[in-house]
Amino acid sequence: MSLGTGYSWKYRDVHLLGYSMAGISTSIVFPDADCCFDVAQGLPFQVPVNNILLTHGHMDHASGLPYLVGQKAMMGQLPPNVYMPEPLLRPMRQLMRLWEEIDGHSYQYQFRSANLGEEHRLKAPYFFKAVPSFHRIAAQGYVVYARKKRLKPEYRNLDSWTLGDLRKKNVEIDEQIDEPVVAFSGDTKIEFLDTPDVRAARVLVLEVTYWDNEKSVENARTWGHIHLNELLERLEQISSEKIVLIHASARYSSSYLREIIDARVPEHFKHRVELFPRPI
């Protein structure tokens, strides 16, 4: 595992691939949905992905976009669909025009705003919606859903022959279920958790930048980040099966962070709170 190949994390049928360290590099790929949350400085493990979901424009999250567009073009791949907060569209297009001038080449790409609550298709059965986040610049998070069908309650005890007859008669016996599978915060304050589908996602990928008393909650909020103290106060509100913590400051070693989890996370939550793999 490396910055180039990404670190792997799995839970049940959710596989994530990526890298995250505050101020250095953050990018997480959800391969089954064919989407990538943020692009860091542009990394090889992102190149096969066709849908890019940018949370905000800071360099450790978004500066690799020209690299990624160029790499996909060089490999003969279709241009990616790139979604971002609406205020980011103009400066990102300006950056691409500058890189085209530097490269002496024109690129094909689709930069689109993803407005809060709008539904955008990914690889079936997945789709995503942008949700509010609270950083110090324009930002948003994302929830990826799986759309499924199941029998309506009143038909669940019927045998297959009866169900087949009902289908032949065009009786609508199924209901649509949209399950929030992965929520991704990007950089944000704790208010990201105010969205119900964020708290209900099977896997919540959440930034927690500061972990001890060397940095206060007030300092975290000033810079648009989450302090562990704030998360601990809201654990009871989160129904996610896994809470995967990213974006920890580089001042902390992974072993130190795991010691803090062991010491401070209540026992009945420890099986749900995990640190995304990191190199130190």
C-alpha atoms as a PDB file:
ATOM      1  CA  MET A   1       0.000   0.000   0.000  1.00  0.00           C
ATOM      2  CA  SER A   2       1.220   3.492  -0.842  1.00  0.00           C
ATOM      3  CA  LEU A   3       0.148   6.974  -1.836  1.00  0.00           C
ATOM      4  CA  GLY A   4       0.141   5.784  -5.447  1.00  0.00           C
ATOM      5  CA  THR A   5      -1.943   2.643  -4.983  1.00  0.00           C
ATOM      6  CA  GLY A   6      -4.106   3.781  -2.102  1.00  0.00           C
ATOM      7  CA  TYR A   7      -4.987   2.076   1.150  1.00  0.00           C
ATOM      8  CA  SER A   8      -7.799  -0.484   1.230  1.00  0.00           C
ATOM      9  CA  TRP A   9     -10.676  -0.624   3.726  1.00  0.00           C
ATOM     10  CA  LYS A  10     -13.554  -3.155   3.633  1.00  0.00           C
ATOM     11  CA  TYR A  11     -16.740  -3.793   5.541  1.00  0.00           C
ATOM     12  CA  ARG A  12     -19.305  -6.322   4.308  1.00  0.00           C
ATOM     13  CA  ASP A  13     -19.851  -5.421   0.631  1.00  0.00           C
ATOM     14  CA  VAL A  14     -18.419  -1.896   0.933  1.00  0.00           C
ATOM     15  CA  HIS A  15     -14.836  -1.565  -0.291  1.00  0.00           C
ATOM     16  CA  LEU A  16     -13.084   1.806  -0.151  1.00  0.00           C
ATOM     17  CA  LEU A  17      -9.681   2.672  -1.545  1.00  0.00           C
ATOM     18  CA  GLY A  18      -7.777   5.839  -0.834  1.00  0.00           C
ATOM     19  CA  TYR A  19      -5.582   8.049   1.300  1.00  0.00           C
ATOM     20  CA  SER A  20      -6.295  10.818   3.778  1.00  0.00           C
ATOM     21  CA  MET A  21      -4.115  13.008   5.940  1.00  0.00           C
ATOM     22  CA  ALA A  22      -5.044  16.559   6.896  1.00  0.00           C
ATOM     23  CA  GLY A  23      -3.378  19.246   4.828  1.00  0.00           C
ATOM     24  CA  ILE A  24      -1.512  16.694   2.712  1.00  0.00           C
ATOM     25  CA  SER A  25      -3.829  14.533   0.630  1.00  0.00           C
ATOM     26  CA  THR A  26      -7.429  13.278   0.730  1.00  0.00           C
ATOM     27  CA  SER A  27      -9.091  11.051  -1.858  1.00  0.00           C
ATOM     28  CA  ILE A  28     -11.361   8.037  -1.298  1.00  0.00           C
ATOM     29  CA  VAL A  29     -12.669   5.804  -4.107  1.00  0.00           C
ATOM     30  CA  PHE A  30     -15.844   3.694  -3.846  1.00  0.00           C
ATOM     31  CA  PRO A  31     -15.159   1.329  -6.787  1.00  0.00           C
ATOM     32  CA  ASP A  32     -18.515  -0.490  -6.827  1.00  0.00           C
ATOM     33  CA  ALA A  33     -20.308   2.824  -7.370  1.00  0.00           C
ATOM     34  CA  ASP A  34     -17.607   4.048  -9.806  1.00  0.00           C
ATOM     35  CA  CYS A  35     -17.060   7.256  -7.868  1.00  0.00           C
ATOM     36  CA  CYS A  36     -14.195   9.080  -6.210  1.00  0.00           C
ATOM     37  CA  PHE A  37     -14.605  11.548  -3.336  1.00  0.00           C
ATOM     38  CA  ASP A  38     -11.990  14.295  -3.841  1.00  0.00           C
ATOM     39  CA  VAL A  39      -8.797  13.849  -5.854  1.00  0.00           C
ATOM     40  CA  ALA A  40      -5.944  15.155  -3.673  1.00  0.00           C
ATOM     41  CA  GLN A  41      -2.956  15.951  -5.955  1.00  0.00           C
ATOM     42  CA  GLY A  42      -4.034  13.379  -8.543  1.00  0.00           C
ATOM     43  CA  LEU A  43      -3.153   9.743  -7.857  1.00  0.00           C
ATOM     44  CA  PRO A  44      -2.970   6.630 -10.043  1.00  0.00           C
ATOM     45  CA  PHE A  45      -5.694   4.699  -8.214  1.00  0.00           C
ATOM     46  CA  GLN A  46      -8.241   7.352  -9.298  1.00  0.00           C
ATOM     47  CA  VAL A  47      -7.684   7.018 -13.056  1.00  0.00           C
ATOM     48  CA  PRO A  48     -10.188   4.172 -13.751  1.00  0.00           C
ATOM     49  CA  VAL A  49     -13.021   6.048 -12.011  1.00  0.00           C
ATOM     50  CA  ASN A  50     -15.605   7.869 -14.130  1.00  0.00           C
ATOM     51  CA  ASN A  51     -17.382  10.018 -11.527  1.00  0.00           C
ATOM     52  CA  ILE A  52     -15.521  12.557  -9.401  1.00  0.00           C
ATOM     53  CA  LEU A  53     -17.284  14.174  -6.430  1.00  0.00           C
ATOM     54  CA  LEU A  54     -15.380  17.206  -5.153  1.00  0.00           C
ATOM     55  CA  THR A  55     -16.308  18.461  -1.700  1.00  0.00           C
ATOM     56  CA  HIS A  56     -14.379  21.763  -1.934  1.00  0.00           C
ATOM     57  CA  GLY A  57     -11.446  23.400  -3.661  1.00  0.00           C
ATOM     58  CA  HIS A  58      -8.550  23.238  -1.200  1.00  0.00           C
ATOM     59  CA  MET A  59      -5.383  21.901  -2.806  1.00  0.00           C
ATOM     60  CA  ASP A  60      -5.083  18.757  -0.676  1.00  0.00           C
ATOM     61  CA  HIS A  61      -8.544  17.747  -1.924  1.00  0.00           C
ATOM     62  CA  ALA A  62      -8.844  19.143  -5.463  1.00  0.00           C
ATOM     63  CA  SER A  63      -5.541  20.195  -7.032  1.00  0.00           C
ATOM     64  CA  GLY A  64      -5.144  16.897  -8.898  1.00  0.00           C
ATOM     65  CA  LEU A  65      -8.120  17.451 -11.174  1.00  0.00           C
ATOM     66  CA  PRO A  66      -6.038  18.588 -14.219  1.00  0.00           C
ATOM     67  CA  TYR A  67      -3.743  15.572 -13.743  1.00  0.00           C
ATOM     68  CA  LEU A  68      -6.691  13.185 -13.631  1.00  0.00           C
ATOM     69  CA  VAL A  69      -8.361  14.671 -16.713  1.00  0.00           C
ATOM     70  CA  GLY A  70      -5.037  14.526 -18.581  1.00  0.00           C
ATOM     71  CA  GLN A  71      -4.284  10.945 -17.538  1.00  0.00           C
ATOM     72  CA  LYS A  72      -7.682   9.693 -18.663  1.00  0.00           C
ATOM     73  CA  ALA A  73      -7.225  11.430 -22.024  1.00  0.00           C
ATOM     74  CA  MET A  74      -3.743   9.959 -22.461  1.00  0.00           C
ATOM     75  CA  MET A  75      -5.106   6.462 -21.814  1.00  0.00           C
ATOM     76  CA  GLY A  76      -7.962   6.891 -24.277  1.00  0.00           C
ATOM     77  CA  GLN A  77     -10.647   6.823 -21.608  1.00  0.00           C
ATOM     78  CA  LEU A  78     -13.856   8.811 -21.692  1.00  0.00           C
ATOM     79  CA  PRO A  79     -13.657  12.159 -19.871  1.00  0.00           C
ATOM     80  CA  PRO A  80     -14.855  11.941 -16.262  1.00  0.00           C
ATOM     81  CA  ASN A  81     -18.044  13.443 -14.911  1.00  0.00           C
ATOM     82  CA  VAL A  82     -16.864  15.924 -12.282  1.00  0.00           C
ATOM     83  CA  TYR A  83     -19.362  17.240  -9.734  1.00  0.00           C
ATOM     84  CA  MET A  84     -18.631  20.080  -7.336  1.00  0.00           C
ATOM     85  CA  PRO A  85     -20.214  22.957  -5.391  1.00  0.00           C
ATOM     86  CA  GLU A  86     -21.528  25.569  -7.813  1.00  0.00           C
ATOM     87  CA  PRO A  87     -19.111  28.365  -6.650  1.00  0.00           C
ATOM     88  CA  LEU A  88     -16.189  26.125  -7.610  1.00  0.00           C
ATOM     89  CA  LEU A  89     -17.174  25.745 -11.271  1.00  0.00           C
ATOM     90  CA  ARG A  90     -15.763  29.022 -12.594  1.00  0.00           C
ATOM     91  CA  PRO A  91     -12.309  28.857 -10.933  1.00  0.00           C
ATOM     92  CA  MET A  92     -11.915  25.158 -11.814  1.00  0.00           C
ATOM     93  CA  ARG A  93     -12.694  25.885 -15.458  1.00  0.00           C
ATOM     94  CA  GLN A  94     -10.158  28.723 -15.367  1.00  0.00           C
ATOM     95  CA  LEU A  95      -7.537  26.338 -13.974  1.00  0.00           C
ATOM     96  CA  MET A  96      -8.237  23.836 -16.732  1.00  0.00           C
ATOM     97  CA  ARG A  97      -7.841  26.526 -19.393  1.00  0.00           C
ATOM     98  CA  LEU A  98      -4.450  27.447 -17.904  1.00  0.00           C
ATOM     99  CA  TRP A  99      -3.317  23.821 -17.932  1.00  0.00           C
ATOM    100  CA  GLU A 100      -4.478  23.465 -21.524  1.00  0.00           C
ATOM    101  CA  GLU A 101      -2.331  26.483 -22.359  1.00  0.00           C
ATOM    102  CA  ILE A 102       0.652  24.971 -20.518  1.00  0.00           C
ATOM    103  CA  ASP A 103       0.164  21.539 -22.111  1.00  0.00           C
ATOM    104  CA  GLY A 104      -0.582  22.879 -25.568  1.00  0.00           C
ATOM    105  CA  HIS A 105      -3.588  20.580 -25.728  1.00  0.00           C
ATOM    106  CA  SER A 106      -7.357  20.878 -25.337  1.00  0.00           C
ATOM    107  CA  TYR A 107      -9.090  18.390 -23.028  1.00  0.00           C
ATOM    108  CA  GLN A 108     -12.619  17.063 -22.882  1.00  0.00           C
ATOM    109  CA  TYR A 109     -14.289  17.124 -19.472  1.00  0.00           C
ATOM    110  CA  GLN A 110     -17.671  17.555 -17.831  1.00  0.00           C
ATOM    111  CA  PHE A 111     -17.666  19.920 -14.851  1.00  0.00           C
ATOM    112  CA  ARG A 112     -21.095  20.093 -13.240  1.00  0.00           C
ATOM    113  CA  SER A 113     -22.576  21.620 -10.133  1.00  0.00           C
ATOM    114  CA  ALA A 114     -24.223  19.167  -7.765  1.00  0.00           C
ATOM    115  CA  ASN A 115     -26.908  21.135  -5.974  1.00  0.00           C
ATOM    116  CA  LEU A 116     -28.024  20.013  -2.536  1.00  0.00           C
ATOM    117  CA  GLY A 117     -30.597  17.234  -2.695  1.00  0.00           C
ATOM    118  CA  GLU A 118     -30.343  16.620  -6.445  1.00  0.00           C
ATOM    119  CA  GLU A 119     -30.110  12.994  -7.531  1.00  0.00           C
ATOM    120  CA  HIS A 120     -27.252  11.978  -9.837  1.00  0.00           C
ATOM    121  CA  ARG A 121     -26.754   8.517 -11.263  1.00  0.00           C
ATOM    122  CA  LEU A 122     -23.657   6.431 -10.666  1.00  0.00           C
ATOM    123  CA  LYS A 123     -23.016   2.804 -11.584  1.00  0.00           C
ATOM    124  CA  ALA A 124     -26.255   0.896 -10.962  1.00  0.00           C
ATOM    125  CA  PRO A 125     -27.779   0.439  -8.459  1.00  0.00           C
ATOM    126  CA  TYR A 126     -26.058   3.488  -6.950  1.00  0.00           C
ATOM    127  CA  PHE A 127     -26.774   7.207  -7.115  1.00  0.00           C
ATOM    128  CA  PHE A 128     -25.705  10.178  -4.996  1.00  0.00           C
ATOM    129  CA  LYS A 129     -26.950  13.421  -3.523  1.00  0.00           C
ATOM    130  CA  ALA A 130     -24.960  16.389  -2.258  1.00  0.00           C
ATOM    131  CA  VAL A 131     -25.628  17.292   1.376  1.00  0.00           C
ATOM    132  CA  PRO A 132     -24.635  20.338   3.458  1.00  0.00           C
ATOM    133  CA  SER A 133     -21.169  20.570   4.956  1.00  0.00           C
ATOM    134  CA  PHE A 134     -19.668  23.451   6.881  1.00  0.00           C
ATOM    135  CA  HIS A 135     -16.101  24.381   6.025  1.00  0.00           C
ATOM    136  CA  ARG A 136     -14.510  27.847   5.825  1.00  0.00           C
ATOM    137  CA  ILE A 137     -15.006  27.984   2.033  1.00  0.00           C
ATOM    138  CA  ALA A 138     -17.825  26.718  -0.212  1.00  0.00           C
ATOM    139  CA  ALA A 139     -18.149  23.010   0.466  1.00  0.00           C
ATOM    140  CA  GLN A 140     -20.553  20.105   0.500  1.00  0.00           C
ATOM    141  CA  GLY A 141     -20.561  16.435   1.411  1.00  0.00           C
ATOM    142  CA  TYR A 142     -22.129  13.487  -0.389  1.00  0.00           C
ATOM    143  CA  VAL A 143     -24.308  10.467   0.321  1.00  0.00           C
ATOM    144  CA  VAL A 144     -24.227   7.495  -2.050  1.00  0.00           C
ATOM    145  CA  TYR A 145     -27.419   5.424  -2.076  1.00  0.00           C
ATOM    146  CA  ALA A 146     -28.293   1.969  -3.377  1.00  0.00           C
ATOM    147  CA  ARG A 147     -31.710   1.763  -5.018  1.00  0.00           C
ATOM    148  CA  LYS A 148     -33.424  -1.559  -4.474  1.00  0.00           C
ATOM    149  CA  LYS A 149     -36.857  -3.134  -4.769  1.00  0.00           C
ATOM    150  CA  ARG A 150     -38.601  -5.330  -2.233  1.00  0.00           C
ATOM    151  CA  LEU A 151     -42.063  -6.749  -1.817  1.00  0.00           C
ATOM    152  CA  LYS A 152     -44.595  -4.510  -0.162  1.00  0.00           C
ATOM    153  CA  PRO A 153     -45.450  -5.787   3.347  1.00  0.00           C
ATOM    154  CA  GLU A 154     -48.900  -6.998   2.341  1.00  0.00           C
ATOM    155  CA  TYR A 155     -47.458  -9.394  -0.258  1.00  0.00           C
ATOM    156  CA  ARG A 156     -44.522 -10.886   1.627  1.00  0.00           C
ATOM    157  CA  ASN A 157     -46.317 -14.006   2.865  1.00  0.00           C
ATOM    158  CA  LEU A 158     -47.643 -15.029  -0.560  1.00  0.00           C
ATOM    159  CA  ASP A 159     -46.168 -17.943  -2.529  1.00  0.00           C
ATOM    160  CA  SER A 160     -44.283 -17.456  -5.800  1.00  0.00           C
ATOM    161  CA  TRP A 161     -47.210 -18.676  -7.944  1.00  0.00           C
ATOM    162  CA  THR A 162     -49.570 -16.090  -6.467  1.00  0.00           C
ATOM    163  CA  LEU A 163     -46.964 -13.360  -6.828  1.00  0.00           C
ATOM    164  CA  GLY A 164     -46.433 -14.364 -10.457  1.00  0.00           C
ATOM    165  CA  ASP A 165     -50.139 -14.080 -11.158  1.00  0.00           C
ATOM    166  CA  LEU A 166     -50.273 -10.642  -9.583  1.00  0.00           C
ATOM    167  CA  ARG A 167     -47.353  -9.472 -11.718  1.00  0.00           C
ATOM    168  CA  LYS A 168     -49.105 -10.748 -14.847  1.00  0.00           C
ATOM    169  CA  LYS A 169     -52.107  -8.636 -13.865  1.00  0.00           C
ATOM    170  CA  ASN A 170     -49.783  -5.606 -13.585  1.00  0.00           C
ATOM    171  CA  VAL A 171     -50.353  -5.293  -9.858  1.00  0.00           C
ATOM    172  CA  GLU A 172     -47.562  -3.221  -8.323  1.00  0.00           C
ATOM    173  CA  ILE A 173     -46.355  -5.544  -5.590  1.00  0.00           C
ATOM    174  CA  ASP A 174     -42.882  -4.022  -5.085  1.00  0.00           C
ATOM    175  CA  GLU A 175     -41.744  -0.890  -3.312  1.00  0.00           C
ATOM    176  CA  GLN A 176     -38.584   1.112  -3.958  1.00  0.00           C
ATOM    177  CA  ILE A 177     -35.996   1.371  -1.198  1.00  0.00           C
ATOM    178  CA  ASP A 178     -33.151   3.887  -1.304  1.00  0.00           C
ATOM    179  CA  GLU A 179     -30.534   2.865   1.239  1.00  0.00           C
ATOM    180  CA  PRO A 180     -27.819   5.378   2.216  1.00  0.00           C
ATOM    181  CA  VAL A 181     -24.680   3.259   1.873  1.00  0.00           C
ATOM    182  CA  VAL A 182     -21.717   5.658   2.134  1.00  0.00           C
ATOM    183  CA  ALA A 183     -21.681   9.221   3.463  1.00  0.00           C
ATOM    184  CA  PHE A 184     -18.536  11.296   2.894  1.00  0.00           C
ATOM    185  CA  SER A 185     -17.954  14.546   4.752  1.00  0.00           C
ATOM    186  CA  GLY A 186     -14.946  16.191   3.154  1.00  0.00           C
ATOM    187  CA  ASP A 187     -13.725  19.005   5.416  1.00  0.00           C
ATOM    188  CA  THR A 188     -16.489  20.201   7.694  1.00  0.00           C
ATOM    189  CA  LYS A 189     -17.621  21.221  11.132  1.00  0.00           C
ATOM    190  CA  ILE A 190     -19.686  18.833  13.253  1.00  0.00           C
ATOM    191  CA  GLU A 191     -22.967  20.198  11.828  1.00  0.00           C
ATOM    192  CA  PHE A 192     -22.436  17.802   8.913  1.00  0.00           C
ATOM    193  CA  LEU A 193     -24.142  15.264  11.185  1.00  0.00           C
ATOM    194  CA  ASP A 194     -27.370  17.285  11.197  1.00  0.00           C
ATOM    195  CA  THR A 195     -28.495  15.580   7.944  1.00  0.00           C
ATOM    196  CA  PRO A 196     -30.464  12.402   8.828  1.00  0.00           C
ATOM    197  CA  ASP A 197     -29.185  10.334   5.881  1.00  0.00           C
ATOM    198  CA  VAL A 198     -25.609  11.111   6.914  1.00  0.00           C
ATOM    199  CA  ARG A 199     -26.227   9.631  10.359  1.00  0.00           C
ATOM    200  CA  ALA A 200     -28.065   6.651   8.840  1.00  0.00           C
ATOM    201  CA  ALA A 201     -25.534   5.696   6.145  1.00  0.00           C
ATOM    202  CA  ARG A 202     -24.220   2.170   6.533  1.00  0.00           C
ATOM    203  CA  VAL A 203     -20.675   3.564   6.365  1.00  0.00           C
ATOM    204  CA  LEU A 204     -20.009   7.129   7.521  1.00  0.00           C
ATOM    205  CA  VAL A 205     -16.636   8.479   6.345  1.00  0.00           C
ATOM    206  CA  LEU A 206     -16.058  11.442   8.608  1.00  0.00           C
ATOM    207  CA  GLU A 207     -13.232  13.912   9.006  1.00  0.00           C
ATOM    208  CA  VAL A 208     -11.881  14.267  12.535  1.00  0.00           C
ATOM    209  CA  THR A 209      -8.844  16.488  12.261  1.00  0.00           C
ATOM    210  CA  TYR A 210      -8.003  17.169  15.922  1.00  0.00           C
ATOM    211  CA  TRP A 211      -7.873  14.478  18.600  1.00  0.00           C
ATOM    212  CA  ASP A 212      -6.443  15.848  21.831  1.00  0.00           C
ATOM    213  CA  ASN A 213      -6.196  18.946  23.967  1.00  0.00           C
ATOM    214  CA  GLU A 214      -3.289  20.480  22.049  1.00  0.00           C
ATOM    215  CA  LYS A 215      -5.966  21.882  19.753  1.00  0.00           C
ATOM    216  CA  SER A 216      -9.283  23.025  21.191  1.00  0.00           C
ATOM    217  CA  VAL A 217     -12.784  22.559  19.848  1.00  0.00           C
ATOM    218  CA  GLU A 218     -12.849  26.299  19.214  1.00  0.00           C
ATOM    219  CA  ASN A 219      -9.704  26.044  17.109  1.00  0.00           C
ATOM    220  CA  ALA A 220     -11.201  23.194  15.110  1.00  0.00           C
ATOM    221  CA  ARG A 221     -14.345  25.193  14.444  1.00  0.00           C
ATOM    222  CA  THR A 222     -12.377  28.283  13.434  1.00  0.00           C
ATOM    223  CA  TRP A 223     -10.706  26.285  10.665  1.00  0.00           C
ATOM    224  CA  GLY A 224     -13.872  24.423   9.653  1.00  0.00           C
ATOM    225  CA  HIS A 225     -12.965  21.025  11.095  1.00  0.00           C
ATOM    226  CA  ILE A 226     -14.188  18.487  13.660  1.00  0.00           C
ATOM    227  CA  HIS A 227     -12.587  17.762  17.013  1.00  0.00           C
ATOM    228  CA  LEU A 228     -12.935  14.271  18.480  1.00  0.00           C
ATOM    229  CA  ASN A 229     -14.616  15.754  21.552  1.00  0.00           C
ATOM    230  CA  GLU A 230     -17.518  16.906  19.360  1.00  0.00           C
ATOM    231  CA  LEU A 231     -17.938  13.498  17.742  1.00  0.00           C
ATOM    232  CA  LEU A 232     -17.955  11.703  21.102  1.00  0.00           C
ATOM    233  CA  GLU A 233     -20.843  13.904  22.222  1.00  0.00           C
ATOM    234  CA  ARG A 234     -22.922  12.854  19.196  1.00  0.00           C
ATOM    235  CA  LEU A 235     -22.141   9.139  18.861  1.00  0.00           C
ATOM    236  CA  GLU A 236     -25.544   8.148  20.258  1.00  0.00           C
ATOM    237  CA  GLN A 237     -27.233   9.978  17.366  1.00  0.00           C
ATOM    238  CA  ILE A 238     -25.406   7.991  14.672  1.00  0.00           C
ATOM    239  CA  SER A 239     -26.888   4.688  13.500  1.00  0.00           C
ATOM    240  CA  SER A 240     -24.143   3.904  10.949  1.00  0.00           C
ATOM    241  CA  GLU A 241     -22.716   0.403  11.220  1.00  0.00           C
ATOM    242  CA  LYS A 242     -19.222   1.828  10.722  1.00  0.00           C
ATOM    243  CA  ILE A 243     -17.849   5.312  11.418  1.00  0.00           C
ATOM    244  CA  VAL A 244     -14.591   5.595   9.475  1.00  0.00           C
ATOM    245  CA  LEU A 245     -12.411   8.490  10.582  1.00  0.00           C
ATOM    246  CA  ILE A 246     -10.251  10.336   8.057  1.00  0.00           C
ATOM    247  CA  HIS A 247      -8.250  13.573   7.802  1.00  0.00           C
ATOM    248  CA  ALA A 248      -6.428  13.274  11.132  1.00  0.00           C
ATOM    249  CA  SER A 249      -3.604  15.760  11.474  1.00  0.00           C
ATOM    250  CA  ALA A 250      -0.149  14.528  10.447  1.00  0.00           C
ATOM    251  CA  ARG A 251       1.035  15.440  13.960  1.00  0.00           C
ATOM    252  CA  TYR A 252      -0.579  12.179  15.186  1.00  0.00           C
ATOM    253  CA  SER A 253       0.674   8.654  14.584  1.00  0.00           C
ATOM    254  CA  SER A 254      -1.880   5.937  13.803  1.00  0.00           C
ATOM    255  CA  SER A 255      -0.878   4.040  16.941  1.00  0.00           C
ATOM    256  CA  TYR A 256      -1.553   7.159  19.025  1.00  0.00           C
ATOM    257  CA  LEU A 257      -4.974   7.605  17.408  1.00  0.00           C
ATOM    258  CA  ARG A 258      -5.905   3.984  18.089  1.00  0.00           C
ATOM    259  CA  GLU A 259      -4.879   4.446  21.727  1.00  0.00           C
ATOM    260  CA  ILE A 260      -7.236   7.416  21.933  1.00  0.00           C
ATOM    261  CA  ILE A 261     -10.084   5.407  20.383  1.00  0.00           C
ATOM    262  CA  ASP A 262      -9.475   2.628  22.894  1.00  0.00           C
ATOM    263  CA  ALA A 263      -9.332   5.050  25.819  1.00  0.00           C
ATOM    264  CA  ARG A 264     -12.142   7.455  24.931  1.00  0.00           C
ATOM    265  CA  VAL A 265     -14.737   5.747  22.736  1.00  0.00           C
ATOM    266  CA  PRO A 266     -17.399   4.034  24.881  1.00  0.00           C
ATOM    267  CA  GLU A 267     -17.086   0.259  24.890  1.00  0.00           C
ATOM    268  CA  HIS A 268     -20.372  -0.374  23.064  1.00  0.00           C
ATOM    269  CA  PHE A 269     -19.227   1.882  20.193  1.00  0.00           C
ATOM    270  CA  LYS A 270     -15.677   0.605  19.725  1.00  0.00           C
ATOM    271  CA  HIS A 271     -16.644  -2.028  17.145  1.00  0.00           C
ATOM    272  CA  ARG A 272     -18.177   0.732  15.026  1.00  0.00           C
ATOM    273  CA  VAL A 273     -15.441   3.391  15.110  1.00  0.00           C
ATOM    274  CA  GLU A 274     -12.400   2.809  12.896  1.00  0.00           C
ATOM    275  CA  LEU A 275      -9.445   4.764  11.584  1.00  0.00           C
ATOM    276  CA  PHE A 276      -9.021   4.695   7.806  1.00  0.00           C
ATOM    277  CA  PRO A 277      -5.581   3.162   7.043  1.00  0.00           C
ATOM    278  CA  ARG A 278      -2.755   5.698   6.898  1.00  0.00           C
ATOM    279  CA  PRO A 279       1.033   5.497   6.504  1.00  0.00           C
ATOM    280  CA  ILE A 280       2.261   6.702   9.899  1.00  0.00           C
END
